[in-house]
Amino acid sequence: MKGIVFTTFIEMVEQKFSLAIVDQIINDSDLPSGGSYTSVGTYDHGEILKLVVQLSERTGIPVSDLVRVFGEYLFGQLIELYPQFVQTNPNLFDFLSKVDSYIHVEVRKLYPDAELPGFEYDTSDSEKFVMIYRSSRPFADLAEGLILGAVGHYGEQIDILREALLDSSGTAARFTLTKRS
């Protein structure tokens, strides 16, 4: 997993909780990297899972909620770094439909070794958008948070239904986004 995800997570924890909490979760996670991350480095995704579990233990907030909140935060940071991702898309559905064909292509240019999730789309109904997430990693909660961040950015009134696919491990999910009347 790319280091930008780790550095952004550490930044979020510091902003929303404290630097002391950051130090505690890093020290108590027994991380192969020692908790020293660079935005261009690549790290085992298990490290971020350990950090989130430690944060959950300290805050009492469920891991899935923390990961979703982080996804929303990460979306905001990515849009600050790469505003062109949203500037060329006038609405949420247009933006989401380009995650695989445009955004991930651009991410691979910046980070050629990035292991990104795949998406399938159903755009047959203009009032509904179906996005299927598949990954080798259990980050459907993160995908949901990123979607929520996009919904917030575009300011559209959207209902989101998430359904686990295959099993509940978080590696595959169907997100159905429906415009509110």
N, C-alpha and C. Protein backbone atom coordinates (compact mmCIF):
# COMPACT_ATOMS: atom_id res chain seq x y z
N MET A 1 0.86 -1.16 0.00
CA MET A 1 0.00 0.00 0.00
C MET A 1 0.90 1.23 0.00
N LYS A 2 0.50 2.22 -0.77
CA LYS A 2 1.33 3.42 -0.92
C LYS A 2 1.40 4.23 0.37
N GLY A 3 2.56 4.80 0.58
CA GLY A 3 2.83 5.55 1.80
C GLY A 3 1.95 6.76 2.00
N ILE A 4 1.44 7.33 0.90
CA ILE A 4 0.57 8.50 1.04
C ILE A 4 -0.67 8.16 1.88
N VAL A 5 -1.12 6.92 1.80
CA VAL A 5 -2.27 6.49 2.61
C VAL A 5 -1.87 6.49 4.09
N PHE A 6 -0.68 6.00 4.38
CA PHE A 6 -0.20 5.95 5.77
C PHE A 6 0.04 7.35 6.33
N THR A 7 0.72 8.19 5.55
CA THR A 7 1.01 9.54 6.06
C THR A 7 -0.28 10.34 6.27
N THR A 8 -1.26 10.11 5.40
CA THR A 8 -2.54 10.81 5.55
C THR A 8 -3.29 10.28 6.76
N PHE A 9 -3.21 8.97 7.02
CA PHE A 9 -3.86 8.41 8.20
C PHE A 9 -3.25 9.00 9.48
N ILE A 10 -1.93 9.04 9.54
CA ILE A 10 -1.25 9.59 10.72
C ILE A 10 -1.66 11.06 10.91
N GLU A 11 -1.71 11.80 9.82
CA GLU A 11 -2.13 13.21 9.88
C GLU A 11 -3.55 13.34 10.43
N MET A 12 -4.46 12.47 9.94
CA MET A 12 -5.84 12.51 10.41
C MET A 12 -5.92 12.22 11.91
N VAL A 13 -5.21 11.18 12.35
CA VAL A 13 -5.24 10.82 13.77
C VAL A 13 -4.72 11.98 14.62
N GLU A 14 -3.66 12.61 14.17
CA GLU A 14 -3.11 13.76 14.92
C GLU A 14 -4.12 14.89 14.99
N GLN A 15 -4.80 15.18 13.86
CA GLN A 15 -5.76 16.29 13.84
C GLN A 15 -7.02 15.98 14.64
N LYS A 16 -7.54 14.77 14.52
CA LYS A 16 -8.81 14.44 15.16
C LYS A 16 -8.66 13.97 16.60
N PHE A 17 -7.49 13.46 16.94
CA PHE A 17 -7.27 12.94 18.29
C PHE A 17 -6.11 13.69 18.95
N SER A 18 -4.88 13.26 18.71
CA SER A 18 -3.73 14.00 19.25
C SER A 18 -2.44 13.34 18.79
N LEU A 19 -1.36 14.08 18.93
CA LEU A 19 -0.04 13.53 18.63
C LEU A 19 0.30 12.41 19.62
N ALA A 20 -0.15 12.55 20.85
CA ALA A 20 0.10 11.52 21.86
C ALA A 20 -0.56 10.20 21.45
N ILE A 21 -1.77 10.27 20.89
CA ILE A 21 -2.45 9.05 20.42
C ILE A 21 -1.68 8.45 19.25
N VAL A 22 -1.18 9.29 18.34
CA VAL A 22 -0.36 8.79 17.23
C VAL A 22 0.82 8.01 17.78
N ASP A 23 1.54 8.58 18.72
CA ASP A 23 2.70 7.91 19.30
C ASP A 23 2.31 6.59 19.95
N GLN A 24 1.20 6.59 20.68
CA GLN A 24 0.76 5.37 21.36
C GLN A 24 0.42 4.26 20.37
N ILE A 25 -0.35 4.59 19.32
CA ILE A 25 -0.77 3.53 18.40
C ILE A 25 0.42 3.00 17.60
N ILE A 26 1.37 3.86 17.27
CA ILE A 26 2.57 3.39 16.56
C ILE A 26 3.40 2.50 17.48
N ASN A 27 3.64 2.95 18.72
CA ASN A 27 4.46 2.17 19.65
C ASN A 27 3.84 0.82 19.99
N ASP A 28 2.51 0.76 20.08
CA ASP A 28 1.85 -0.47 20.50
C ASP A 28 1.48 -1.39 19.34
N SER A 29 1.77 -1.00 18.12
CA SER A 29 1.37 -1.81 16.96
C SER A 29 2.43 -2.80 16.50
N ASP A 30 3.66 -2.68 16.98
CA ASP A 30 4.75 -3.59 16.59
C ASP A 30 4.84 -3.70 15.06
N LEU A 31 5.14 -2.58 14.44
CA LEU A 31 5.15 -2.47 12.98
C LEU A 31 6.52 -2.78 12.39
N PRO A 32 6.57 -3.58 11.33
CA PRO A 32 7.85 -3.85 10.66
C PRO A 32 8.58 -2.58 10.21
N SER A 33 7.82 -1.55 9.83
CA SER A 33 8.42 -0.29 9.38
C SER A 33 8.83 0.60 10.55
N GLY A 34 8.39 0.24 11.73
CA GLY A 34 8.62 1.09 12.90
C GLY A 34 7.71 2.30 12.94
N GLY A 35 6.77 2.37 11.98
CA GLY A 35 5.84 3.50 11.94
C GLY A 35 6.43 4.72 11.25
N SER A 36 7.54 4.51 10.55
CA SER A 36 8.18 5.61 9.81
C SER A 36 7.78 5.48 8.34
N TYR A 37 6.95 6.42 7.87
CA TYR A 37 6.40 6.33 6.52
C TYR A 37 6.78 7.55 5.68
N THR A 38 6.97 7.32 4.40
CA THR A 38 7.11 8.41 3.43
C THR A 38 5.97 8.28 2.44
N SER A 39 5.56 9.37 1.86
CA SER A 39 4.40 9.33 0.96
C SER A 39 4.66 8.50 -0.29
N VAL A 40 5.91 8.34 -0.70
CA VAL A 40 6.19 7.58 -1.92
C VAL A 40 6.61 6.14 -1.64
N GLY A 41 6.74 5.79 -0.37
CA GLY A 41 7.12 4.42 -0.02
C GLY A 41 5.96 3.46 -0.22
N THR A 42 6.26 2.17 -0.10
CA THR A 42 5.24 1.13 -0.18
C THR A 42 5.35 0.28 1.08
N TYR A 43 4.20 0.03 1.72
CA TYR A 43 4.17 -0.67 3.00
C TYR A 43 3.08 -1.74 2.99
N ASP A 44 3.26 -2.71 3.84
CA ASP A 44 2.27 -3.78 3.96
C ASP A 44 0.96 -3.21 4.50
N HIS A 45 -0.15 -3.55 3.85
CA HIS A 45 -1.45 -3.03 4.28
C HIS A 45 -1.81 -3.48 5.69
N GLY A 46 -1.21 -4.56 6.15
CA GLY A 46 -1.47 -5.03 7.51
C GLY A 46 -1.06 -4.01 8.56
N GLU A 47 -0.10 -3.15 8.22
CA GLU A 47 0.33 -2.14 9.19
C GLU A 47 -0.78 -1.14 9.47
N ILE A 48 -1.48 -0.73 8.43
CA ILE A 48 -2.55 0.26 8.68
C ILE A 48 -3.69 -0.39 9.46
N LEU A 49 -3.91 -1.68 9.21
CA LEU A 49 -4.94 -2.38 9.98
C LEU A 49 -4.56 -2.43 11.46
N LYS A 50 -3.28 -2.69 11.76
CA LYS A 50 -2.84 -2.70 13.16
C LYS A 50 -3.02 -1.32 13.80
N LEU A 51 -2.70 -0.28 13.05
CA LEU A 51 -2.85 1.08 13.58
C LEU A 51 -4.31 1.41 13.87
N VAL A 52 -5.20 1.00 12.97
CA VAL A 52 -6.62 1.27 13.17
C VAL A 52 -7.15 0.49 14.37
N VAL A 53 -6.73 -0.75 14.53
CA VAL A 53 -7.17 -1.54 15.68
C VAL A 53 -6.71 -0.87 16.97
N GLN A 54 -5.46 -0.41 17.00
CA GLN A 54 -4.96 0.28 18.20
C GLN A 54 -5.75 1.56 18.47
N LEU A 55 -6.07 2.30 17.40
CA LEU A 55 -6.86 3.52 17.57
C LEU A 55 -8.25 3.19 18.10
N SER A 56 -8.84 2.13 17.59
CA SER A 56 -10.16 1.71 18.05
C SER A 56 -10.13 1.35 19.54
N GLU A 57 -9.09 0.67 19.95
CA GLU A 57 -8.98 0.28 21.36
C GLU A 57 -8.88 1.50 22.27
N ARG A 58 -8.24 2.55 21.80
CA ARG A 58 -8.08 3.75 22.61
C ARG A 58 -9.29 4.67 22.60
N THR A 59 -10.04 4.65 21.52
CA THR A 59 -11.15 5.60 21.39
C THR A 59 -12.51 4.97 21.62
N GLY A 60 -12.59 3.64 21.53
CA GLY A 60 -13.88 2.97 21.64
C GLY A 60 -14.72 3.08 20.37
N ILE A 61 -14.15 3.62 19.33
CA ILE A 61 -14.85 3.75 18.04
C ILE A 61 -14.58 2.47 17.24
N PRO A 62 -15.63 1.84 16.70
CA PRO A 62 -15.43 0.60 15.94
C PRO A 62 -14.47 0.81 14.76
N VAL A 63 -13.68 -0.23 14.48
CA VAL A 63 -12.70 -0.18 13.39
C VAL A 63 -13.35 0.23 12.08
N SER A 64 -14.50 -0.35 11.74
CA SER A 64 -15.14 -0.03 10.45
C SER A 64 -15.51 1.45 10.37
N ASP A 65 -15.96 2.03 11.48
CA ASP A 65 -16.30 3.46 11.49
C ASP A 65 -15.04 4.31 11.29
N LEU A 66 -13.95 3.93 11.96
CA LEU A 66 -12.70 4.67 11.80
C LEU A 66 -12.20 4.63 10.36
N VAL A 67 -12.30 3.46 9.74
CA VAL A 67 -11.82 3.32 8.36
C VAL A 67 -12.69 4.14 7.41
N ARG A 68 -14.01 4.16 7.63
CA ARG A 68 -14.90 4.99 6.79
C ARG A 68 -14.57 6.48 6.95
N VAL A 69 -14.39 6.91 8.19
CA VAL A 69 -14.05 8.32 8.44
C VAL A 69 -12.71 8.65 7.78
N PHE A 70 -11.77 7.72 7.86
CA PHE A 70 -10.49 7.94 7.20
C PHE A 70 -10.67 8.04 5.68
N GLY A 71 -11.54 7.22 5.11
CA GLY A 71 -11.81 7.31 3.67
C GLY A 71 -12.31 8.69 3.27
N GLU A 72 -13.22 9.24 4.07
CA GLU A 72 -13.72 10.59 3.79
C GLU A 72 -12.59 11.61 3.88
N TYR A 73 -11.77 11.48 4.89
CA TYR A 73 -10.64 12.39 5.07
C TYR A 73 -9.66 12.25 3.91
N LEU A 74 -9.37 11.02 3.53
CA LEU A 74 -8.43 10.75 2.44
C LEU A 74 -8.94 11.35 1.13
N PHE A 75 -10.24 11.27 0.88
CA PHE A 75 -10.79 11.87 -0.33
C PHE A 75 -10.48 13.37 -0.36
N GLY A 76 -10.70 14.04 0.74
CA GLY A 76 -10.43 15.48 0.80
C GLY A 76 -8.98 15.79 0.52
N GLN A 77 -8.08 14.99 1.07
CA GLN A 77 -6.65 15.22 0.85
C GLN A 77 -6.26 14.94 -0.60
N LEU A 78 -6.81 13.87 -1.17
CA LEU A 78 -6.48 13.54 -2.57
C LEU A 78 -6.97 14.63 -3.52
N ILE A 79 -8.12 15.20 -3.23
CA ILE A 79 -8.66 16.26 -4.09
C ILE A 79 -7.83 17.54 -3.96
N GLU A 80 -7.28 17.77 -2.77
CA GLU A 80 -6.37 18.92 -2.62
C GLU A 80 -5.12 18.71 -3.46
N LEU A 81 -4.60 17.49 -3.45
CA LEU A 81 -3.37 17.19 -4.20
C LEU A 81 -3.62 17.08 -5.71
N TYR A 82 -4.76 16.55 -6.08
CA TYR A 82 -5.07 16.28 -7.49
C TYR A 82 -6.44 16.84 -7.85
N PRO A 83 -6.61 18.16 -7.85
CA PRO A 83 -7.92 18.76 -8.10
C PRO A 83 -8.47 18.44 -9.49
N GLN A 84 -7.60 18.10 -10.42
CA GLN A 84 -8.07 17.78 -11.77
C GLN A 84 -9.00 16.57 -11.78
N PHE A 85 -8.93 15.72 -10.77
CA PHE A 85 -9.81 14.56 -10.73
C PHE A 85 -11.29 14.96 -10.64
N VAL A 86 -11.57 16.05 -9.95
CA VAL A 86 -12.96 16.47 -9.82
C VAL A 86 -13.32 17.63 -10.75
N GLN A 87 -12.33 18.41 -11.15
CA GLN A 87 -12.61 19.59 -11.98
C GLN A 87 -13.21 19.22 -13.34
N THR A 88 -12.87 18.06 -13.85
CA THR A 88 -13.36 17.67 -15.18
C THR A 88 -14.67 16.88 -15.13
N ASN A 89 -15.21 16.69 -13.94
CA ASN A 89 -16.44 15.91 -13.78
C ASN A 89 -17.49 16.75 -13.07
N PRO A 90 -18.58 17.11 -13.75
CA PRO A 90 -19.55 18.03 -13.18
C PRO A 90 -20.43 17.47 -12.07
N ASN A 91 -20.49 16.13 -11.94
CA ASN A 91 -21.35 15.57 -10.90
C ASN A 91 -20.76 14.26 -10.37
N LEU A 92 -21.34 13.78 -9.29
CA LEU A 92 -20.84 12.60 -8.59
C LEU A 92 -20.79 11.37 -9.48
N PHE A 93 -21.86 11.08 -10.19
CA PHE A 93 -21.89 9.86 -11.00
C PHE A 93 -20.84 9.90 -12.10
N ASP A 94 -20.65 11.06 -12.73
CA ASP A 94 -19.59 11.19 -13.74
C ASP A 94 -18.22 10.91 -13.12
N PHE A 95 -17.99 11.49 -11.96
CA PHE A 95 -16.71 11.29 -11.28
C PHE A 95 -16.48 9.82 -10.94
N LEU A 96 -17.45 9.20 -10.29
CA LEU A 96 -17.28 7.81 -9.87
C LEU A 96 -17.10 6.86 -11.05
N SER A 97 -17.75 7.17 -12.16
CA SER A 97 -17.64 6.28 -13.33
C SER A 97 -16.24 6.31 -13.95
N LYS A 98 -15.42 7.26 -13.54
CA LYS A 98 -14.08 7.38 -14.10
C LYS A 98 -12.97 6.93 -13.14
N VAL A 99 -13.34 6.38 -12.00
CA VAL A 99 -12.33 5.96 -11.04
C VAL A 99 -11.36 4.97 -11.67
N ASP A 100 -11.86 3.94 -12.31
CA ASP A 100 -10.98 2.93 -12.91
C ASP A 100 -10.33 3.40 -14.21
N SER A 101 -11.10 4.03 -15.07
CA SER A 101 -10.59 4.36 -16.41
C SER A 101 -9.74 5.62 -16.46
N TYR A 102 -9.87 6.50 -15.50
CA TYR A 102 -9.09 7.74 -15.53
C TYR A 102 -8.25 7.91 -14.27
N ILE A 103 -8.90 7.92 -13.12
CA ILE A 103 -8.19 8.23 -11.88
C ILE A 103 -7.13 7.16 -11.58
N HIS A 104 -7.49 5.89 -11.68
CA HIS A 104 -6.51 4.85 -11.40
C HIS A 104 -5.39 4.83 -12.45
N VAL A 105 -5.69 5.20 -13.67
CA VAL A 105 -4.66 5.32 -14.71
C VAL A 105 -3.65 6.40 -14.30
N GLU A 106 -4.16 7.52 -13.83
CA GLU A 106 -3.29 8.62 -13.40
C GLU A 106 -2.50 8.23 -12.15
N VAL A 107 -3.13 7.51 -11.23
CA VAL A 107 -2.43 7.06 -10.02
C VAL A 107 -1.28 6.13 -10.41
N ARG A 108 -1.53 5.25 -11.39
CA ARG A 108 -0.47 4.33 -11.82
C ARG A 108 0.70 5.08 -12.47
N LYS A 109 0.43 6.22 -13.09
CA LYS A 109 1.53 7.03 -13.65
C LYS A 109 2.41 7.56 -12.52
N LEU A 110 1.79 7.97 -11.42
CA LEU A 110 2.53 8.50 -10.28
C LEU A 110 3.18 7.38 -9.46
N TYR A 111 2.46 6.27 -9.32
CA TYR A 111 2.91 5.15 -8.50
C TYR A 111 2.76 3.86 -9.31
N PRO A 112 3.71 3.55 -10.18
CA PRO A 112 3.58 2.39 -11.08
C PRO A 112 3.37 1.06 -10.37
N ASP A 113 3.85 0.93 -9.13
CA ASP A 113 3.72 -0.33 -8.42
C ASP A 113 2.48 -0.39 -7.52
N ALA A 114 1.61 0.61 -7.63
CA ALA A 114 0.41 0.64 -6.78
C ALA A 114 -0.50 -0.54 -7.11
N GLU A 115 -1.00 -1.19 -6.07
CA GLU A 115 -1.97 -2.27 -6.24
C GLU A 115 -3.34 -1.69 -5.91
N LEU A 116 -4.12 -1.44 -6.95
CA LEU A 116 -5.38 -0.73 -6.79
C LEU A 116 -6.56 -1.69 -6.91
N PRO A 117 -7.66 -1.36 -6.26
CA PRO A 117 -8.86 -2.18 -6.41
C PRO A 117 -9.44 -2.01 -7.81
N GLY A 118 -10.32 -2.92 -8.18
CA GLY A 118 -11.02 -2.82 -9.45
C GLY A 118 -12.48 -2.47 -9.21
N PHE A 119 -13.09 -1.84 -10.23
CA PHE A 119 -14.49 -1.45 -10.12
C PHE A 119 -15.23 -1.85 -11.38
N GLU A 120 -16.48 -2.22 -11.20
CA GLU A 120 -17.41 -2.45 -12.30
C GLU A 120 -18.57 -1.50 -12.05
N TYR A 121 -19.21 -1.06 -13.12
CA TYR A 121 -20.27 -0.05 -12.99
C TYR A 121 -21.52 -0.47 -13.75
N ASP A 122 -22.65 -0.04 -13.23
CA ASP A 122 -23.93 -0.12 -13.94
C ASP A 122 -24.49 1.30 -13.93
N THR A 123 -24.53 1.90 -15.11
CA THR A 123 -25.02 3.28 -15.23
C THR A 123 -26.27 3.34 -16.10
N SER A 124 -27.00 2.23 -16.17
CA SER A 124 -28.17 2.16 -17.06
C SER A 124 -29.34 3.02 -16.60
N ASP A 125 -29.36 3.42 -15.33
CA ASP A 125 -30.44 4.24 -14.78
C ASP A 125 -29.82 5.59 -14.36
N SER A 126 -30.30 6.68 -14.91
CA SER A 126 -29.71 8.00 -14.63
C SER A 126 -29.91 8.44 -13.17
N GLU A 127 -30.82 7.82 -12.46
CA GLU A 127 -31.08 8.17 -11.06
C GLU A 127 -30.36 7.25 -10.08
N LYS A 128 -29.70 6.22 -10.62
CA LYS A 128 -29.05 5.22 -9.78
C LYS A 128 -27.70 4.87 -10.38
N PHE A 129 -26.72 4.66 -9.52
CA PHE A 129 -25.37 4.32 -9.95
C PHE A 129 -24.92 3.13 -9.12
N VAL A 130 -24.55 2.05 -9.78
CA VAL A 130 -24.08 0.86 -9.07
C VAL A 130 -22.59 0.70 -9.33
N MET A 131 -21.86 0.55 -8.25
CA MET A 131 -20.41 0.42 -8.32
C MET A 131 -20.01 -0.82 -7.53
N ILE A 132 -19.34 -1.76 -8.21
CA ILE A 132 -18.89 -2.97 -7.54
C ILE A 132 -17.39 -2.85 -7.30
N TYR A 133 -17.00 -3.03 -6.05
CA TYR A 133 -15.62 -2.92 -5.60
C TYR A 133 -15.05 -4.32 -5.40
N ARG A 134 -13.84 -4.54 -5.93
CA ARG A 134 -13.13 -5.80 -5.70
C ARG A 134 -11.66 -5.49 -5.45
N SER A 135 -11.12 -6.13 -4.41
CA SER A 135 -9.73 -5.90 -4.04
C SER A 135 -9.16 -7.15 -3.40
N SER A 136 -7.85 -7.25 -3.41
CA SER A 136 -7.21 -8.34 -2.68
C SER A 136 -7.11 -8.00 -1.19
N ARG A 137 -7.44 -6.76 -0.86
CA ARG A 137 -7.35 -6.30 0.53
C ARG A 137 -8.75 -5.98 1.07
N PRO A 138 -8.92 -6.10 2.37
CA PRO A 138 -10.26 -5.90 2.97
C PRO A 138 -10.57 -4.43 3.26
N PHE A 139 -10.74 -3.63 2.20
CA PHE A 139 -10.93 -2.20 2.42
C PHE A 139 -12.22 -1.66 1.81
N ALA A 140 -13.29 -2.45 1.88
CA ALA A 140 -14.59 -1.94 1.42
C ALA A 140 -15.03 -0.76 2.28
N ASP A 141 -14.67 -0.77 3.57
CA ASP A 141 -15.00 0.38 4.43
C ASP A 141 -14.28 1.64 3.94
N LEU A 142 -13.04 1.49 3.51
CA LEU A 142 -12.29 2.63 2.98
C LEU A 142 -12.93 3.12 1.69
N ALA A 143 -13.32 2.18 0.82
CA ALA A 143 -14.00 2.56 -0.43
C ALA A 143 -15.29 3.32 -0.11
N GLU A 144 -16.04 2.84 0.88
CA GLU A 144 -17.27 3.53 1.26
C GLU A 144 -16.97 4.94 1.77
N GLY A 145 -15.93 5.08 2.57
CA GLY A 145 -15.55 6.40 3.05
C GLY A 145 -15.15 7.34 1.92
N LEU A 146 -14.41 6.83 0.95
CA LEU A 146 -14.04 7.64 -0.21
C LEU A 146 -15.29 8.07 -0.99
N ILE A 147 -16.24 7.15 -1.14
CA ILE A 147 -17.51 7.49 -1.81
C ILE A 147 -18.24 8.57 -1.02
N LEU A 148 -18.30 8.40 0.30
CA LEU A 148 -18.96 9.42 1.13
C LEU A 148 -18.26 10.77 1.00
N GLY A 149 -16.93 10.76 0.92
CA GLY A 149 -16.19 11.99 0.71
C GLY A 149 -16.55 12.65 -0.61
N ALA A 150 -16.72 11.82 -1.65
CA ALA A 150 -17.11 12.35 -2.97
C ALA A 150 -18.53 12.91 -2.92
N VAL A 151 -19.43 12.22 -2.25
CA VAL A 151 -20.81 12.71 -2.11
C VAL A 151 -20.78 14.08 -1.43
N GLY A 152 -20.01 14.18 -0.35
CA GLY A 152 -19.91 15.46 0.35
C GLY A 152 -19.31 16.55 -0.51
N HIS A 153 -18.31 16.21 -1.29
CA HIS A 153 -17.67 17.20 -2.16
C HIS A 153 -18.65 17.75 -3.19
N TYR A 154 -19.42 16.86 -3.81
CA TYR A 154 -20.36 17.30 -4.84
C TYR A 154 -21.64 17.87 -4.26
N GLY A 155 -21.92 17.61 -2.98
CA GLY A 155 -23.08 18.18 -2.33
C GLY A 155 -24.41 17.66 -2.86
N GLU A 156 -24.40 16.48 -3.42
CA GLU A 156 -25.63 15.91 -3.96
C GLU A 156 -26.36 15.11 -2.89
N GLN A 157 -27.66 15.02 -3.01
CA GLN A 157 -28.48 14.25 -2.08
C GLN A 157 -28.55 12.81 -2.59
N ILE A 158 -27.80 11.93 -1.93
CA ILE A 158 -27.62 10.56 -2.40
C ILE A 158 -27.84 9.59 -1.24
N ASP A 159 -28.58 8.53 -1.50
CA ASP A 159 -28.68 7.42 -0.56
C ASP A 159 -27.71 6.34 -1.02
N ILE A 160 -27.00 5.73 -0.06
CA ILE A 160 -26.02 4.71 -0.39
C ILE A 160 -26.41 3.41 0.29
N LEU A 161 -26.48 2.35 -0.51
CA LEU A 161 -26.72 1.01 0.01
C LEU A 161 -25.47 0.19 -0.29
N ARG A 162 -24.92 -0.42 0.74
CA ARG A 162 -23.73 -1.27 0.58
C ARG A 162 -24.11 -2.71 0.85
N GLU A 163 -23.71 -3.59 -0.05
CA GLU A 163 -23.96 -5.02 0.11
C GLU A 163 -22.63 -5.75 -0.03
N ALA A 164 -22.33 -6.62 0.94
CA ALA A 164 -21.11 -7.43 0.86
C ALA A 164 -21.29 -8.48 -0.23
N LEU A 165 -20.24 -8.73 -0.97
CA LEU A 165 -20.25 -9.78 -1.98
C LEU A 165 -19.34 -10.92 -1.51
N LEU A 166 -19.67 -12.11 -1.84
CA LEU A 166 -18.91 -13.31 -1.52
C LEU A 166 -18.94 -13.63 -0.04
N ASP A 167 -18.28 -12.88 0.77
CA ASP A 167 -18.28 -13.08 2.21
C ASP A 167 -18.16 -11.72 2.88
N SER A 168 -17.99 -11.70 4.16
CA SER A 168 -17.96 -10.41 4.86
C SER A 168 -16.54 -9.92 5.12
N SER A 169 -15.57 -10.37 4.34
CA SER A 169 -14.18 -9.99 4.59
C SER A 169 -13.85 -8.57 4.14
N GLY A 170 -14.74 -7.93 3.40
CA GLY A 170 -14.49 -6.56 2.98
C GLY A 170 -13.69 -6.43 1.71
N THR A 171 -13.49 -7.53 0.98
CA THR A 171 -12.73 -7.46 -0.27
C THR A 171 -13.61 -7.23 -1.49
N ALA A 172 -14.91 -7.37 -1.33
CA ALA A 172 -15.82 -7.14 -2.46
C ALA A 172 -17.16 -6.63 -1.92
N ALA A 173 -17.66 -5.58 -2.57
CA ALA A 173 -18.93 -4.99 -2.14
C ALA A 173 -19.60 -4.31 -3.32
N ARG A 174 -20.92 -4.26 -3.25
CA ARG A 174 -21.71 -3.52 -4.24
C ARG A 174 -22.25 -2.29 -3.54
N PHE A 175 -21.98 -1.13 -4.15
CA PHE A 175 -22.50 0.14 -3.65
C PHE A 175 -23.55 0.62 -4.64
N THR A 176 -24.78 0.81 -4.15
CA THR A 176 -25.84 1.36 -4.98
C THR A 176 -26.14 2.75 -4.48
N LEU A 177 -25.90 3.72 -5.35
CA LEU A 177 -26.11 5.13 -5.01
C LEU A 177 -27.36 5.59 -5.75
N THR A 178 -28.32 6.14 -5.02
CA THR A 178 -29.58 6.56 -5.60
C THR A 178 -29.81 8.03 -5.27
N LYS A 179 -30.15 8.80 -6.32
CA LYS A 179 -30.45 10.22 -6.12
C LYS A 179 -31.77 10.34 -5.35
N ARG A 180 -31.79 11.22 -4.35
CA ARG A 180 -33.02 11.49 -3.63
C ARG A 180 -33.88 12.44 -4.45
N SER A 181 -35.17 12.23 -4.41
CA SER A 181 -36.10 13.08 -5.16
C SER A 181 -36.27 14.42 -4.50
